Amino acid sequence: MAQKKSLMQKAIDAAKKVVAKPITPKKVAKKVVAKKPIAQKKVAKKPGSLKKFNSYTPKTNEKYMGKSQIKHFIKILNDWKLELSNDIDRTVSHMQAELTAYADPNDRASQESDMALELRNRDRERKLIKKIDRTILNIANDEYGYCNGCGEEIGLNRLLARPTATLCIDCKTLDEIRERKMAK
């Protein structure tokens, strides 16, 4: 018991020493880096991160889906489509460059699994590009911003969250309830 107590006492004493020591920040030599002009700075986008859409604040007495709102959503949709297209092109070139024949079956299986996942993601993005194209066509036909189910306004907040939305929140909720019941 005395030996256990002494080990315990040693551990407590060591912990007290660590806690009692003041932490002194290390001095780091600062690197002097010339700053780039603001126009040349680029914001690095993490691969796989979701697109964040610019907010839109309607002016007082502004008509729903007026010219400024339509222009805003066309810009969002075109930027999103361009970003998705660039991601697809980047994936294709990456897959071509990284094609390696591994001798180990486990390494080959991992590579094939990674490629299958990438292709599945790119296929989802390809479908989203088609949906964006349909949405741009709806804008050209003056059908954008109105629910396909009930004909009511979808709402700016919903369109800012999902610019390709075709149903208002009520119709979408009912649609999801129907899908869940059909799945059972």
N, C-alpha and C. Protein backbone atom coordinates (compact mmCIF):
# COMPACT_ATOMS: atom_id res chain seq x y z
N MET A 1 0.82 -1.19 0.00
CA MET A 1 0.00 0.00 0.00
C MET A 1 0.87 1.26 0.00
N ALA A 2 1.95 1.19 0.76
CA ALA A 2 2.84 2.34 0.85
C ALA A 2 3.49 2.61 -0.49
N GLN A 3 3.78 1.52 -1.24
CA GLN A 3 4.39 1.68 -2.54
C GLN A 3 3.40 2.30 -3.52
N LYS A 4 2.13 1.87 -3.48
CA LYS A 4 1.11 2.45 -4.35
C LYS A 4 0.90 3.92 -4.02
N LYS A 5 0.92 4.23 -2.76
CA LYS A 5 0.73 5.61 -2.34
C LYS A 5 1.88 6.47 -2.84
N SER A 6 3.04 5.96 -2.79
CA SER A 6 4.18 6.74 -3.23
C SER A 6 4.13 6.96 -4.75
N LEU A 7 3.69 5.94 -5.51
CA LEU A 7 3.53 6.12 -6.95
C LEU A 7 2.45 7.15 -7.25
N MET A 8 1.36 7.05 -6.49
CA MET A 8 0.27 8.01 -6.66
C MET A 8 0.75 9.41 -6.31
N GLN A 9 1.51 9.51 -5.22
CA GLN A 9 2.02 10.80 -4.80
C GLN A 9 2.97 11.37 -5.84
N LYS A 10 3.80 10.50 -6.46
CA LYS A 10 4.70 10.95 -7.51
C LYS A 10 3.92 11.49 -8.71
N ALA A 11 2.84 10.81 -9.07
CA ALA A 11 2.02 11.26 -10.19
C ALA A 11 1.37 12.60 -9.89
N ILE A 12 0.88 12.76 -8.68
CA ILE A 12 0.25 14.03 -8.29
C ILE A 12 1.28 15.15 -8.29
N ASP A 13 2.47 14.86 -7.75
CA ASP A 13 3.53 15.88 -7.73
C ASP A 13 3.94 16.28 -9.14
N ALA A 14 4.04 15.29 -10.05
CA ALA A 14 4.41 15.59 -11.43
C ALA A 14 3.34 16.46 -12.10
N ALA A 15 2.07 16.13 -11.83
CA ALA A 15 0.97 16.92 -12.40
C ALA A 15 1.01 18.34 -11.88
N LYS A 16 1.32 18.51 -10.60
CA LYS A 16 1.39 19.86 -10.02
C LYS A 16 2.50 20.68 -10.66
N LYS A 17 3.64 20.01 -10.95
CA LYS A 17 4.75 20.71 -11.59
C LYS A 17 4.37 21.20 -12.98
N VAL A 18 3.67 20.34 -13.71
CA VAL A 18 3.27 20.70 -15.07
C VAL A 18 2.29 21.86 -15.04
N VAL A 19 1.34 21.81 -14.12
CA VAL A 19 0.34 22.86 -14.03
C VAL A 19 0.95 24.15 -13.51
N ALA A 20 1.90 24.05 -12.59
CA ALA A 20 2.49 25.23 -11.98
C ALA A 20 3.43 25.99 -12.91
N LYS A 21 3.98 25.31 -13.92
CA LYS A 21 4.91 25.98 -14.83
C LYS A 21 4.17 26.99 -15.69
N PRO A 22 4.65 28.22 -15.73
CA PRO A 22 4.02 29.19 -16.63
C PRO A 22 4.39 28.87 -18.07
N ILE A 23 3.45 29.04 -18.92
CA ILE A 23 3.69 28.77 -20.34
C ILE A 23 4.24 30.03 -20.97
N THR A 24 5.42 29.90 -21.53
CA THR A 24 6.04 31.04 -22.19
C THR A 24 5.95 30.82 -23.69
N PRO A 25 5.43 31.81 -24.38
CA PRO A 25 5.33 31.64 -25.84
C PRO A 25 6.72 31.67 -26.46
N LYS A 26 6.89 30.81 -27.45
CA LYS A 26 8.16 30.78 -28.16
C LYS A 26 8.24 31.97 -29.10
N LYS A 27 9.42 32.50 -29.19
CA LYS A 27 9.60 33.61 -30.11
C LYS A 27 9.83 33.06 -31.50
N VAL A 28 9.00 33.52 -32.42
CA VAL A 28 9.09 33.05 -33.80
C VAL A 28 9.52 34.23 -34.66
N ALA A 29 10.49 33.97 -35.47
CA ALA A 29 10.95 35.01 -36.39
C ALA A 29 9.87 35.24 -37.43
N LYS A 30 9.50 36.50 -37.59
CA LYS A 30 8.45 36.84 -38.55
C LYS A 30 9.05 36.92 -39.95
N LYS A 31 8.33 36.32 -40.87
CA LYS A 31 8.71 36.42 -42.27
C LYS A 31 8.08 37.67 -42.85
N VAL A 32 8.85 38.38 -43.59
CA VAL A 32 8.33 39.55 -44.26
C VAL A 32 7.92 39.11 -45.67
N VAL A 33 6.62 39.19 -45.91
CA VAL A 33 6.10 38.77 -47.21
C VAL A 33 5.44 39.97 -47.86
N ALA A 34 5.78 40.19 -49.09
CA ALA A 34 5.14 41.28 -49.82
C ALA A 34 3.69 40.92 -50.08
N LYS A 35 2.81 41.84 -49.76
CA LYS A 35 1.39 41.58 -49.97
C LYS A 35 1.02 41.81 -51.42
N LYS A 36 0.12 40.93 -51.90
CA LYS A 36 -0.38 41.09 -53.26
C LYS A 36 -1.49 42.14 -53.24
N PRO A 37 -1.66 42.84 -54.34
CA PRO A 37 -2.79 43.75 -54.40
C PRO A 37 -4.09 42.96 -54.26
N ILE A 38 -5.10 43.60 -53.73
CA ILE A 38 -6.38 42.94 -53.47
C ILE A 38 -6.96 42.32 -54.73
N ALA A 39 -6.80 42.92 -55.85
CA ALA A 39 -7.38 42.41 -57.09
C ALA A 39 -6.78 41.06 -57.49
N GLN A 40 -5.54 40.79 -57.07
CA GLN A 40 -4.88 39.56 -57.47
C GLN A 40 -5.06 38.43 -56.48
N LYS A 41 -5.57 38.72 -55.26
CA LYS A 41 -5.74 37.67 -54.27
C LYS A 41 -6.83 36.72 -54.72
N LYS A 42 -6.58 35.43 -54.49
CA LYS A 42 -7.58 34.42 -54.83
C LYS A 42 -7.97 33.70 -53.55
N VAL A 43 -9.24 33.41 -53.41
CA VAL A 43 -9.72 32.66 -52.27
C VAL A 43 -9.68 31.19 -52.66
N ALA A 44 -8.93 30.43 -51.90
CA ALA A 44 -8.81 29.01 -52.20
C ALA A 44 -10.07 28.29 -51.75
N LYS A 45 -10.64 27.49 -52.64
CA LYS A 45 -11.85 26.75 -52.33
C LYS A 45 -11.44 25.33 -52.00
N LYS A 46 -11.95 24.83 -50.87
CA LYS A 46 -11.66 23.46 -50.50
C LYS A 46 -12.36 22.53 -51.48
N PRO A 47 -11.68 21.49 -51.92
CA PRO A 47 -12.35 20.55 -52.81
C PRO A 47 -13.49 19.87 -52.07
N GLY A 48 -14.62 19.78 -52.74
CA GLY A 48 -15.77 19.13 -52.16
C GLY A 48 -16.63 20.05 -51.30
N SER A 49 -16.24 21.29 -51.16
CA SER A 49 -17.06 22.18 -50.35
C SER A 49 -18.26 22.65 -51.16
N LEU A 50 -19.30 22.94 -50.44
CA LEU A 50 -20.53 23.34 -51.09
C LEU A 50 -20.50 24.80 -51.49
N LYS A 51 -21.21 25.08 -52.55
CA LYS A 51 -21.29 26.44 -53.06
C LYS A 51 -22.15 27.27 -52.13
N LYS A 52 -21.65 28.42 -51.70
CA LYS A 52 -22.43 29.32 -50.87
C LYS A 52 -22.92 30.44 -51.78
N PHE A 53 -24.23 30.62 -51.80
CA PHE A 53 -24.82 31.59 -52.71
C PHE A 53 -24.87 32.97 -52.06
N ASN A 54 -24.73 33.99 -52.89
CA ASN A 54 -24.82 35.35 -52.40
C ASN A 54 -26.24 35.66 -52.00
N SER A 55 -26.38 36.39 -50.93
CA SER A 55 -27.70 36.76 -50.44
C SER A 55 -28.28 37.87 -51.31
N TYR A 56 -29.58 37.98 -51.27
CA TYR A 56 -30.25 39.03 -52.02
C TYR A 56 -31.22 39.72 -51.08
N THR A 57 -31.10 41.03 -50.97
CA THR A 57 -32.02 41.79 -50.14
C THR A 57 -32.93 42.58 -51.06
N PRO A 58 -34.22 42.23 -51.07
CA PRO A 58 -35.14 42.96 -51.97
C PRO A 58 -35.37 44.38 -51.49
N LYS A 59 -35.53 45.26 -52.44
CA LYS A 59 -35.82 46.66 -52.12
C LYS A 59 -37.30 46.77 -51.74
N THR A 60 -37.64 47.82 -51.05
CA THR A 60 -39.03 48.00 -50.66
C THR A 60 -39.90 48.16 -51.89
N ASN A 61 -41.05 47.55 -51.87
CA ASN A 61 -42.03 47.57 -52.97
C ASN A 61 -41.48 46.98 -54.27
N GLU A 62 -40.47 46.10 -54.15
CA GLU A 62 -39.92 45.46 -55.35
C GLU A 62 -40.82 44.30 -55.76
N LYS A 63 -41.06 44.20 -57.03
CA LYS A 63 -41.91 43.14 -57.57
C LYS A 63 -41.18 41.80 -57.46
N TYR A 64 -41.94 40.75 -57.08
CA TYR A 64 -41.38 39.41 -56.99
C TYR A 64 -40.96 38.95 -58.38
N MET A 65 -39.75 38.46 -58.48
CA MET A 65 -39.14 38.01 -59.73
C MET A 65 -39.09 39.13 -60.77
N GLY A 66 -38.72 40.30 -60.27
CA GLY A 66 -38.48 41.43 -61.17
C GLY A 66 -37.13 41.28 -61.85
N LYS A 67 -36.76 42.29 -62.63
CA LYS A 67 -35.53 42.20 -63.42
C LYS A 67 -34.28 42.00 -62.56
N SER A 68 -34.18 42.73 -61.44
CA SER A 68 -32.97 42.61 -60.62
C SER A 68 -32.88 41.24 -59.95
N GLN A 69 -34.00 40.68 -59.52
CA GLN A 69 -33.99 39.35 -58.92
C GLN A 69 -33.65 38.29 -59.96
N ILE A 70 -34.24 38.40 -61.13
CA ILE A 70 -33.95 37.45 -62.21
C ILE A 70 -32.46 37.49 -62.57
N LYS A 71 -31.93 38.71 -62.69
CA LYS A 71 -30.51 38.88 -63.02
C LYS A 71 -29.63 38.23 -61.95
N HIS A 72 -30.01 38.40 -60.68
CA HIS A 72 -29.27 37.82 -59.57
C HIS A 72 -29.26 36.29 -59.66
N PHE A 73 -30.41 35.69 -59.92
CA PHE A 73 -30.49 34.23 -59.97
C PHE A 73 -29.81 33.67 -61.21
N ILE A 74 -29.85 34.38 -62.32
CA ILE A 74 -29.13 33.93 -63.52
C ILE A 74 -27.63 33.90 -63.24
N LYS A 75 -27.13 34.92 -62.54
CA LYS A 75 -25.71 34.96 -62.20
C LYS A 75 -25.35 33.80 -61.28
N ILE A 76 -26.18 33.55 -60.28
CA ILE A 76 -25.93 32.43 -59.35
C ILE A 76 -25.88 31.12 -60.12
N LEU A 77 -26.88 30.88 -60.96
CA LEU A 77 -26.97 29.62 -61.69
C LEU A 77 -25.80 29.43 -62.66
N ASN A 78 -25.43 30.48 -63.37
CA ASN A 78 -24.31 30.37 -64.31
C ASN A 78 -22.98 30.14 -63.59
N ASP A 79 -22.77 30.83 -62.46
CA ASP A 79 -21.55 30.62 -61.68
C ASP A 79 -21.48 29.20 -61.14
N TRP A 80 -22.61 28.71 -60.65
CA TRP A 80 -22.68 27.36 -60.10
C TRP A 80 -22.39 26.32 -61.18
N LYS A 81 -22.98 26.53 -62.36
CA LYS A 81 -22.78 25.61 -63.47
C LYS A 81 -21.30 25.61 -63.90
N LEU A 82 -20.69 26.77 -63.96
CA LEU A 82 -19.27 26.87 -64.33
C LEU A 82 -18.39 26.16 -63.31
N GLU A 83 -18.69 26.34 -62.03
CA GLU A 83 -17.92 25.68 -60.98
C GLU A 83 -18.05 24.16 -61.07
N LEU A 84 -19.25 23.66 -61.30
CA LEU A 84 -19.45 22.22 -61.43
C LEU A 84 -18.73 21.67 -62.66
N SER A 85 -18.79 22.40 -63.76
CA SER A 85 -18.09 21.96 -64.98
C SER A 85 -16.58 21.90 -64.76
N ASN A 86 -16.05 22.88 -64.06
CA ASN A 86 -14.61 22.89 -63.76
C ASN A 86 -14.23 21.70 -62.88
N ASP A 87 -15.10 21.38 -61.89
CA ASP A 87 -14.83 20.23 -61.03
C ASP A 87 -14.82 18.94 -61.83
N ILE A 88 -15.75 18.80 -62.77
CA ILE A 88 -15.80 17.59 -63.60
C ILE A 88 -14.53 17.49 -64.44
N ASP A 89 -14.13 18.58 -65.07
CA ASP A 89 -12.91 18.57 -65.89
C ASP A 89 -11.68 18.23 -65.04
N ARG A 90 -11.61 18.79 -63.84
CA ARG A 90 -10.49 18.54 -62.95
C ARG A 90 -10.44 17.06 -62.56
N THR A 91 -11.60 16.47 -62.31
CA THR A 91 -11.64 15.06 -61.94
C THR A 91 -11.18 14.17 -63.09
N VAL A 92 -11.63 14.47 -64.29
CA VAL A 92 -11.23 13.67 -65.45
C VAL A 92 -9.72 13.72 -65.63
N SER A 93 -9.13 14.90 -65.58
CA SER A 93 -7.68 15.00 -65.76
C SER A 93 -6.94 14.33 -64.61
N HIS A 94 -7.49 14.44 -63.39
CA HIS A 94 -6.87 13.81 -62.22
C HIS A 94 -6.89 12.29 -62.35
N MET A 95 -8.01 11.74 -62.82
CA MET A 95 -8.13 10.29 -62.95
C MET A 95 -7.21 9.76 -64.05
N GLN A 96 -7.04 10.52 -65.11
CA GLN A 96 -6.15 10.10 -66.18
C GLN A 96 -4.69 10.15 -65.73
N ALA A 97 -4.34 11.15 -64.95
CA ALA A 97 -2.96 11.31 -64.50
C ALA A 97 -2.60 10.30 -63.41
N GLU A 98 -3.58 9.89 -62.61
CA GLU A 98 -3.30 9.03 -61.47
C GLU A 98 -3.54 7.55 -61.76
N LEU A 99 -3.73 7.19 -62.99
CA LEU A 99 -3.98 5.80 -63.36
C LEU A 99 -2.69 5.01 -63.19
N THR A 100 -2.69 4.14 -62.18
CA THR A 100 -1.51 3.34 -61.89
C THR A 100 -1.94 1.89 -61.72
N ALA A 101 -1.15 0.96 -62.24
CA ALA A 101 -1.44 -0.45 -62.07
C ALA A 101 -0.68 -0.95 -60.85
N TYR A 102 -1.41 -1.17 -59.77
CA TYR A 102 -0.80 -1.65 -58.54
C TYR A 102 -0.69 -3.17 -58.58
N ALA A 103 0.38 -3.71 -58.02
CA ALA A 103 0.56 -5.15 -57.97
C ALA A 103 -0.28 -5.78 -56.86
N ASP A 104 -0.42 -5.05 -55.77
CA ASP A 104 -1.18 -5.56 -54.64
C ASP A 104 -2.68 -5.44 -54.91
N PRO A 105 -3.43 -6.52 -54.76
CA PRO A 105 -4.88 -6.47 -55.02
C PRO A 105 -5.62 -5.50 -54.09
N ASN A 106 -5.14 -5.34 -52.87
CA ASN A 106 -5.78 -4.40 -51.95
C ASN A 106 -5.63 -2.95 -52.43
N ASP A 107 -4.44 -2.63 -52.92
CA ASP A 107 -4.20 -1.28 -53.45
C ASP A 107 -5.07 -1.02 -54.68
N ARG A 108 -5.17 -2.03 -55.55
CA ARG A 108 -6.02 -1.89 -56.74
C ARG A 108 -7.47 -1.68 -56.34
N ALA A 109 -7.93 -2.47 -55.35
CA ALA A 109 -9.31 -2.36 -54.89
C ALA A 109 -9.58 -0.98 -54.30
N SER A 110 -8.63 -0.46 -53.54
CA SER A 110 -8.79 0.88 -52.96
C SER A 110 -8.88 1.93 -54.06
N GLN A 111 -8.00 1.80 -55.06
CA GLN A 111 -8.00 2.76 -56.17
C GLN A 111 -9.33 2.70 -56.92
N GLU A 112 -9.82 1.49 -57.20
CA GLU A 112 -11.08 1.35 -57.91
C GLU A 112 -12.25 1.89 -57.10
N SER A 113 -12.20 1.67 -55.80
CA SER A 113 -13.25 2.18 -54.92
C SER A 113 -13.26 3.70 -54.91
N ASP A 114 -12.08 4.30 -54.83
CA ASP A 114 -11.97 5.76 -54.86
C ASP A 114 -12.49 6.33 -56.18
N MET A 115 -12.11 5.67 -57.28
CA MET A 115 -12.56 6.14 -58.59
C MET A 115 -14.07 5.99 -58.75
N ALA A 116 -14.63 4.89 -58.24
CA ALA A 116 -16.08 4.70 -58.32
C ALA A 116 -16.82 5.78 -57.53
N LEU A 117 -16.28 6.12 -56.38
CA LEU A 117 -16.89 7.18 -55.58
C LEU A 117 -16.83 8.52 -56.30
N GLU A 118 -15.67 8.83 -56.88
CA GLU A 118 -15.51 10.07 -57.65
C GLU A 118 -16.49 10.12 -58.83
N LEU A 119 -16.59 9.01 -59.54
CA LEU A 119 -17.49 8.98 -60.70
C LEU A 119 -18.95 9.13 -60.28
N ARG A 120 -19.30 8.54 -59.15
CA ARG A 120 -20.67 8.67 -58.66
C ARG A 120 -20.97 10.13 -58.29
N ASN A 121 -20.00 10.78 -57.65
CA ASN A 121 -20.18 12.20 -57.31
C ASN A 121 -20.28 13.06 -58.57
N ARG A 122 -19.44 12.79 -59.56
CA ARG A 122 -19.47 13.57 -60.80
C ARG A 122 -20.76 13.32 -61.57
N ASP A 123 -21.31 12.11 -61.50
CA ASP A 123 -22.58 11.82 -62.15
C ASP A 123 -23.70 12.63 -61.48
N ARG A 124 -23.65 12.73 -60.18
CA ARG A 124 -24.63 13.55 -59.44
C ARG A 124 -24.51 15.01 -59.87
N GLU A 125 -23.27 15.48 -60.04
CA GLU A 125 -23.07 16.86 -60.48
C GLU A 125 -23.51 17.07 -61.92
N ARG A 126 -23.35 16.05 -62.76
CA ARG A 126 -23.81 16.14 -64.15
C ARG A 126 -25.33 16.29 -64.19
N LYS A 127 -26.02 15.53 -63.33
CA LYS A 127 -27.48 15.66 -63.24
C LYS A 127 -27.87 17.04 -62.72
N LEU A 128 -27.10 17.57 -61.80
CA LEU A 128 -27.38 18.91 -61.27
C LEU A 128 -27.19 19.96 -62.35
N ILE A 129 -26.20 19.78 -63.23
CA ILE A 129 -25.99 20.72 -64.34
C ILE A 129 -27.21 20.71 -65.26
N LYS A 130 -27.77 19.52 -65.51
CA LYS A 130 -28.99 19.44 -66.33
C LYS A 130 -30.14 20.18 -65.66
N LYS A 131 -30.24 20.03 -64.34
CA LYS A 131 -31.29 20.72 -63.59
C LYS A 131 -31.09 22.24 -63.65
N ILE A 132 -29.85 22.67 -63.60
CA ILE A 132 -29.55 24.10 -63.71
C ILE A 132 -29.95 24.60 -65.09
N ASP A 133 -29.66 23.81 -66.13
CA ASP A 133 -30.06 24.19 -67.50
C ASP A 133 -31.58 24.31 -67.62
N ARG A 134 -32.31 23.37 -67.01
CA ARG A 134 -33.79 23.46 -67.03
C ARG A 134 -34.27 24.70 -66.29
N THR A 135 -33.60 25.04 -65.19
CA THR A 135 -33.97 26.22 -64.42
C THR A 135 -33.73 27.49 -65.24
N ILE A 136 -32.62 27.55 -65.96
CA ILE A 136 -32.33 28.72 -66.81
C ILE A 136 -33.38 28.81 -67.92
N LEU A 137 -33.81 27.67 -68.43
CA LEU A 137 -34.87 27.65 -69.43
C LEU A 137 -36.19 28.16 -68.84
N ASN A 138 -36.48 27.78 -67.60
CA ASN A 138 -37.67 28.29 -66.92
C ASN A 138 -37.61 29.81 -66.75
N ILE A 139 -36.42 30.33 -66.49
CA ILE A 139 -36.27 31.78 -66.37
C ILE A 139 -36.59 32.44 -67.70
N ALA A 140 -36.09 31.85 -68.78
CA ALA A 140 -36.35 32.41 -70.12
C ALA A 140 -37.84 32.38 -70.46
N ASN A 141 -38.56 31.38 -69.92
CA ASN A 141 -40.00 31.26 -70.19
C ASN A 141 -40.86 31.97 -69.15
N ASP A 142 -40.25 32.76 -68.27
CA ASP A 142 -40.95 33.49 -67.19
C ASP A 142 -41.73 32.55 -66.27
N GLU A 143 -41.20 31.37 -66.02
CA GLU A 143 -41.84 30.41 -65.13
C GLU A 143 -41.05 30.21 -63.85
N TYR A 144 -39.95 30.92 -63.70
CA TYR A 144 -39.06 30.73 -62.55
C TYR A 144 -39.62 31.43 -61.33
N GLY A 145 -39.50 30.76 -60.17
CA GLY A 145 -39.90 31.37 -58.91
C GLY A 145 -41.32 31.02 -58.49
N TYR A 146 -42.02 30.27 -59.33
CA TYR A 146 -43.40 29.89 -59.03
C TYR A 146 -43.48 28.37 -58.95
N CYS A 147 -44.26 27.88 -58.00
CA CYS A 147 -44.37 26.45 -57.72
C CYS A 147 -45.03 25.71 -58.88
N ASN A 148 -44.44 24.58 -59.26
CA ASN A 148 -45.03 23.74 -60.31
C ASN A 148 -46.28 23.02 -59.81
N GLY A 149 -46.43 22.88 -58.49
CA GLY A 149 -47.56 22.17 -57.92
C GLY A 149 -48.80 23.04 -57.75
N CYS A 150 -48.63 24.18 -57.11
CA CYS A 150 -49.79 25.01 -56.79
C CYS A 150 -49.79 26.37 -57.50
N GLY A 151 -48.67 26.76 -58.08
CA GLY A 151 -48.61 28.02 -58.81
C GLY A 151 -48.29 29.23 -57.94
N GLU A 152 -48.12 29.03 -56.64
CA GLU A 152 -47.79 30.14 -55.74
C GLU A 152 -46.30 30.48 -55.83
N GLU A 153 -45.93 31.61 -55.24
CA GLU A 153 -44.53 32.00 -55.20
C GLU A 153 -43.74 31.02 -54.34
N ILE A 154 -42.57 30.65 -54.80
CA ILE A 154 -41.71 29.76 -54.03
C ILE A 154 -41.10 30.51 -52.86
N GLY A 155 -40.72 31.74 -53.07
CA GLY A 155 -40.13 32.56 -52.01
C GLY A 155 -38.64 32.74 -52.22
N LEU A 156 -38.16 33.95 -51.93
CA LEU A 156 -36.74 34.27 -52.13
C LEU A 156 -35.82 33.45 -51.25
N ASN A 157 -36.22 33.26 -49.98
CA ASN A 157 -35.34 32.52 -49.07
C ASN A 157 -35.13 31.09 -49.55
N ARG A 158 -36.19 30.45 -50.00
CA ARG A 158 -36.06 29.07 -50.50
C ARG A 158 -35.21 29.04 -51.78
N LEU A 159 -35.41 30.01 -52.66
CA LEU A 159 -34.64 30.05 -53.90
C LEU A 159 -33.17 30.37 -53.64
N LEU A 160 -32.90 31.16 -52.61
CA LEU A 160 -31.50 31.43 -52.27
C LEU A 160 -30.84 30.19 -51.69
N ALA A 161 -31.62 29.38 -50.96
CA ALA A 161 -31.07 28.15 -50.40
C ALA A 161 -30.89 27.09 -51.48
N ARG A 162 -31.84 27.01 -52.40
CA ARG A 162 -31.80 26.03 -53.48
C ARG A 162 -32.32 26.68 -54.75
N PRO A 163 -31.44 27.30 -55.54
CA PRO A 163 -31.88 28.05 -56.72
C PRO A 163 -32.61 27.21 -57.78
N THR A 164 -32.46 25.88 -57.74
CA THR A 164 -33.13 25.04 -58.72
C THR A 164 -34.48 24.53 -58.22
N ALA A 165 -34.97 25.05 -57.10
CA ALA A 165 -36.24 24.58 -56.53
C ALA A 165 -37.39 24.85 -57.50
N THR A 166 -38.28 23.85 -57.62
CA THR A 166 -39.44 24.00 -58.50
C THR A 166 -40.74 23.91 -57.72
N LEU A 167 -40.65 23.57 -56.43
CA LEU A 167 -41.83 23.45 -55.59
C LEU A 167 -41.70 24.37 -54.39
N CYS A 168 -42.83 24.92 -53.94
CA CYS A 168 -42.81 25.72 -52.71
C CYS A 168 -42.61 24.78 -51.53
N ILE A 169 -42.38 25.30 -50.37
CA ILE A 169 -42.05 24.47 -49.22
C ILE A 169 -43.21 23.56 -48.84
N ASP A 170 -44.45 24.03 -48.98
CA ASP A 170 -45.61 23.21 -48.64
C ASP A 170 -45.75 22.03 -49.60
N CYS A 171 -45.66 22.27 -50.88
CA CYS A 171 -45.78 21.20 -51.87
C CYS A 171 -44.62 20.21 -51.75
N LYS A 172 -43.42 20.70 -51.46
CA LYS A 172 -42.26 19.84 -51.30
C LYS A 172 -42.43 18.94 -50.07
N THR A 173 -42.97 19.50 -48.99
CA THR A 173 -43.22 18.71 -47.78
C THR A 173 -44.21 17.59 -48.06
N LEU A 174 -45.31 17.94 -48.75
CA LEU A 174 -46.30 16.92 -49.11
C LEU A 174 -45.70 15.86 -50.02
N ASP A 175 -44.88 16.27 -50.94
CA ASP A 175 -44.21 15.35 -51.87
C ASP A 175 -43.31 14.36 -51.11
N GLU A 176 -42.57 14.87 -50.12
CA GLU A 176 -41.70 14.02 -49.33
C GLU A 176 -42.49 13.05 -48.46
N ILE A 177 -43.63 13.50 -47.93
CA ILE A 177 -44.49 12.61 -47.14
C ILE A 177 -45.00 11.47 -48.02
N ARG A 178 -45.41 11.80 -49.25
CA ARG A 178 -45.89 10.78 -50.19
C ARG A 178 -44.77 9.78 -50.51
N GLU A 179 -43.58 10.28 -50.72
CA GLU A 179 -42.43 9.40 -51.02
C GLU A 179 -42.17 8.44 -49.87
N ARG A 180 -42.23 8.93 -48.63
CA ARG A 180 -41.99 8.08 -47.48
C ARG A 180 -43.06 7.00 -47.36
N LYS A 181 -44.32 7.36 -47.62
CA LYS A 181 -45.41 6.38 -47.53
C LYS A 181 -45.30 5.35 -48.63
N MET A 182 -44.85 5.74 -49.81
CA MET A 182 -44.70 4.80 -50.93
C MET A 182 -43.55 3.83 -50.66
N ALA A 183 -42.54 4.28 -49.94
CA ALA A 183 -41.37 3.45 -49.66
C ALA A 183 -41.70 2.35 -48.66
N LYS A 184 -42.72 2.57 -47.82
CA LYS A 184 -43.06 1.58 -46.78
C LYS A 184 -43.80 0.44 -47.32
